[in-house]
C-alpha cells in the first residue's frame, strides 16, 4: 500500500525500497497477523458515575457583552 502511491512515477530508489520490503516479508513468512473479532468483556470494570454539574472550573460565570448590538 505504501508503494502504490509511487506507482505513477517510479524511480530506481523505489525499486530498492520494494526489494527491501520483499526481503523483510520473506524473512518473517511464518509470522501471522491476528485480529480479535469477539467483543471484549468489560464486566470486571466497575461502572463509575460522575456528577458533571460540578467540574474543575467550579462555578463559572457567563460573561455577557456590554453592548447589546451583537445580540
N, C-alpha and C. Protein backbone atom coordinates (compact mmCIF):
# COMPACT_ATOMS: atom_id res chain seq x y z
N UNK A 1 0.83 -1.17 0.00
CA UNK A 1 0.00 0.00 0.00
C UNK A 1 0.88 1.24 0.00
N UNK A 2 2.00 1.19 0.70
CA UNK A 2 2.91 2.34 0.73
C UNK A 2 3.50 2.61 -0.64
N UNK A 3 3.80 1.57 -1.37
CA UNK A 3 4.44 1.73 -2.67
C UNK A 3 3.44 2.09 -3.77
N UNK A 4 2.15 1.85 -3.56
CA UNK A 4 1.17 2.13 -4.61
C UNK A 4 1.06 3.62 -4.92
N UNK A 5 1.34 4.48 -3.94
CA UNK A 5 1.29 5.92 -4.20
C UNK A 5 2.44 6.37 -5.10
N UNK A 6 3.50 5.58 -5.20
CA UNK A 6 4.66 5.93 -6.02
C UNK A 6 4.59 5.31 -7.41
N UNK A 7 3.51 4.63 -7.72
CA UNK A 7 3.41 3.90 -8.96
C UNK A 7 3.26 4.83 -10.17
N UNK A 8 2.79 6.06 -9.99
CA UNK A 8 2.61 6.96 -11.12
C UNK A 8 3.95 7.38 -11.73
N UNK A 9 4.96 7.56 -10.88
CA UNK A 9 6.27 7.98 -11.37
C UNK A 9 7.36 7.22 -10.61
N UNK A 10 7.57 5.94 -10.94
CA UNK A 10 8.57 5.14 -10.21
C UNK A 10 10.00 5.54 -10.57
N UNK A 11 10.90 5.31 -9.64
CA UNK A 11 12.32 5.56 -9.90
C UNK A 11 13.14 4.42 -9.29
N UNK A 12 14.44 4.48 -9.47
CA UNK A 12 15.33 3.40 -9.01
C UNK A 12 15.28 3.23 -7.50
N UNK A 13 15.18 4.34 -6.76
CA UNK A 13 15.12 4.26 -5.30
C UNK A 13 13.89 3.51 -4.81
N UNK A 14 12.78 3.68 -5.53
CA UNK A 14 11.56 2.99 -5.14
C UNK A 14 11.71 1.49 -5.33
N UNK A 15 12.41 1.09 -6.36
CA UNK A 15 12.66 -0.34 -6.59
C UNK A 15 13.50 -0.93 -5.47
N UNK A 16 14.48 -0.19 -5.01
CA UNK A 16 15.32 -0.66 -3.90
C UNK A 16 14.50 -0.80 -2.62
N UNK A 17 13.60 0.15 -2.38
CA UNK A 17 12.72 0.06 -1.20
C UNK A 17 11.82 -1.16 -1.30
N UNK A 18 11.30 -1.40 -2.49
CA UNK A 18 10.43 -2.55 -2.69
C UNK A 18 11.18 -3.86 -2.47
N UNK A 19 12.42 -3.93 -2.93
CA UNK A 19 13.23 -5.13 -2.70
C UNK A 19 13.44 -5.35 -1.20
N UNK A 20 13.68 -4.28 -0.47
CA UNK A 20 13.85 -4.40 0.98
C UNK A 20 12.59 -4.88 1.67
N UNK A 21 11.45 -4.40 1.20
CA UNK A 21 10.18 -4.82 1.79
C UNK A 21 9.92 -6.31 1.52
N UNK A 22 10.20 -6.76 0.30
CA UNK A 22 10.02 -8.17 -0.04
C UNK A 22 10.98 -9.05 0.78
N UNK A 23 12.21 -8.59 0.95
CA UNK A 23 13.17 -9.36 1.75
C UNK A 23 12.69 -9.49 3.19
N UNK A 24 12.13 -8.40 3.73
CA UNK A 24 11.60 -8.43 5.10
C UNK A 24 10.46 -9.44 5.21
N UNK A 25 9.54 -9.41 4.24
CA UNK A 25 8.41 -10.33 4.27
C UNK A 25 8.86 -11.79 4.13
N UNK A 26 9.89 -12.03 3.31
CA UNK A 26 10.40 -13.40 3.15
C UNK A 26 11.07 -13.89 4.44
N UNK A 27 11.69 -12.98 5.16
CA UNK A 27 12.36 -13.34 6.41
C UNK A 27 11.36 -13.76 7.48
N UNK A 28 10.19 -13.11 7.50
CA UNK A 28 9.18 -13.37 8.52
C UNK A 28 7.94 -14.02 7.91
N UNK A 29 8.11 -14.96 6.98
CA UNK A 29 6.98 -15.54 6.28
C UNK A 29 6.12 -16.44 7.17
N UNK A 30 6.64 -16.88 8.30
CA UNK A 30 5.85 -17.75 9.17
C UNK A 30 5.08 -16.95 10.23
N UNK A 31 5.25 -15.64 10.26
CA UNK A 31 4.52 -14.81 11.21
C UNK A 31 3.12 -14.56 10.69
N UNK A 32 2.21 -14.24 11.60
CA UNK A 32 0.82 -14.01 11.23
C UNK A 32 0.31 -12.73 11.87
N UNK A 33 -0.64 -12.13 11.23
CA UNK A 33 -1.37 -11.01 11.81
C UNK A 33 -2.72 -11.55 12.24
N UNK A 34 -3.04 -11.38 13.49
CA UNK A 34 -4.29 -11.92 14.02
C UNK A 34 -5.20 -10.78 14.45
N UNK A 35 -6.48 -10.95 14.17
CA UNK A 35 -7.48 -9.96 14.54
C UNK A 35 -8.44 -10.59 15.52
N UNK A 36 -8.73 -9.88 16.58
CA UNK A 36 -9.73 -10.35 17.54
C UNK A 36 -11.08 -9.80 17.10
N UNK A 37 -12.00 -10.67 16.83
CA UNK A 37 -13.31 -10.23 16.34
C UNK A 37 -14.40 -10.28 17.40
N UNK A 38 -14.13 -10.95 18.52
CA UNK A 38 -15.15 -11.01 19.56
C UNK A 38 -15.17 -9.70 20.35
N UNK A 39 -16.32 -9.41 20.92
CA UNK A 39 -16.47 -8.18 21.70
C UNK A 39 -15.81 -8.37 23.06
N UNK A 40 -15.01 -7.40 23.53
CA UNK A 40 -14.34 -7.56 24.82
C UNK A 40 -15.32 -7.56 25.98
N UNK A 41 -14.95 -8.26 27.05
CA UNK A 41 -15.79 -8.37 28.24
C UNK A 41 -15.33 -7.32 29.25
N UNK A 42 -16.17 -6.32 29.47
CA UNK A 42 -15.84 -5.25 30.42
C UNK A 42 -16.61 -5.40 31.73
N UNK A 43 -17.13 -6.58 32.02
CA UNK A 43 -17.94 -6.76 33.22
C UNK A 43 -17.12 -6.62 34.51
N UNK A 44 -15.80 -6.86 34.43
CA UNK A 44 -14.99 -6.76 35.65
C UNK A 44 -14.62 -5.32 36.00
N UNK A 45 -14.86 -4.38 35.09
CA UNK A 45 -14.56 -2.97 35.35
C UNK A 45 -15.80 -2.33 35.97
N UNK A 46 -15.62 -1.71 37.12
CA UNK A 46 -16.78 -1.14 37.81
C UNK A 46 -17.22 0.14 37.10
N UNK A 47 -18.53 0.32 37.05
CA UNK A 47 -19.11 1.48 36.38
C UNK A 47 -19.08 2.66 37.33
N UNK A 48 -18.38 3.70 36.95
CA UNK A 48 -18.26 4.88 37.80
C UNK A 48 -19.13 5.98 37.21
N UNK A 49 -19.99 6.54 38.02
CA UNK A 49 -20.83 7.63 37.54
C UNK A 49 -20.30 8.94 38.12
N UNK A 50 -20.37 9.97 37.33
CA UNK A 50 -19.85 11.28 37.71
C UNK A 50 -20.96 12.31 37.69
N UNK A 51 -20.85 13.27 38.56
CA UNK A 51 -21.76 14.40 38.55
C UNK A 51 -21.07 15.51 37.76
N UNK A 52 -21.45 15.67 36.53
CA UNK A 52 -20.79 16.64 35.66
C UNK A 52 -21.29 18.05 35.89
N UNK A 53 -22.23 18.26 36.83
CA UNK A 53 -22.67 19.62 37.14
C UNK A 53 -21.53 20.40 37.78
N UNK A 54 -20.70 19.70 38.54
CA UNK A 54 -19.52 20.32 39.14
C UNK A 54 -18.31 19.89 38.32
N UNK A 55 -17.50 20.83 37.92
CA UNK A 55 -16.34 20.49 37.12
C UNK A 55 -15.11 21.15 37.72
N UNK A 56 -14.00 21.04 37.04
CA UNK A 56 -12.76 21.63 37.52
C UNK A 56 -12.81 23.16 37.48
N UNK A 57 -13.82 23.69 36.77
CA UNK A 57 -13.95 25.14 36.68
C UNK A 57 -14.82 25.70 37.78
N UNK A 58 -15.24 24.86 38.70
CA UNK A 58 -16.08 25.23 39.84
C UNK A 58 -17.40 25.80 39.34
N UNK A 59 -17.73 27.02 39.67
CA UNK A 59 -18.97 27.66 39.23
C UNK A 59 -18.66 28.77 38.24
N UNK A 60 -18.62 28.47 36.98
CA UNK A 60 -18.26 29.51 36.01
C UNK A 60 -19.36 30.54 35.86
N UNK A 61 -18.95 31.76 35.61
CA UNK A 61 -19.88 32.87 35.41
C UNK A 61 -19.87 33.22 33.93
N UNK A 62 -21.05 33.28 33.33
CA UNK A 62 -21.14 33.62 31.92
C UNK A 62 -21.00 35.12 31.75
N UNK A 63 -20.07 35.51 30.92
CA UNK A 63 -19.88 36.93 30.64
C UNK A 63 -20.74 37.31 29.46
N UNK A 64 -21.52 38.38 29.63
CA UNK A 64 -22.39 38.86 28.56
C UNK A 64 -21.78 40.14 27.98
N UNK A 65 -21.96 40.35 26.68
CA UNK A 65 -21.41 41.58 26.08
C UNK A 65 -22.06 42.82 26.66
N UNK A 66 -21.28 43.89 26.78
CA UNK A 66 -21.78 45.13 27.36
C UNK A 66 -22.72 45.86 26.38
N UNK A 67 -22.41 45.80 25.09
CA UNK A 67 -23.31 46.39 24.10
C UNK A 67 -24.18 45.30 23.51
N UNK A 68 -25.47 45.55 23.47
CA UNK A 68 -26.41 44.54 23.03
C UNK A 68 -26.61 44.55 21.51
N UNK A 69 -25.71 45.17 20.78
CA UNK A 69 -25.86 45.24 19.32
C UNK A 69 -25.61 43.89 18.67
N UNK A 70 -24.79 43.07 19.27
CA UNK A 70 -24.44 41.77 18.68
C UNK A 70 -25.55 40.75 18.91
N UNK A 71 -26.45 40.98 19.86
CA UNK A 71 -27.50 40.00 20.16
C UNK A 71 -28.61 40.15 19.24
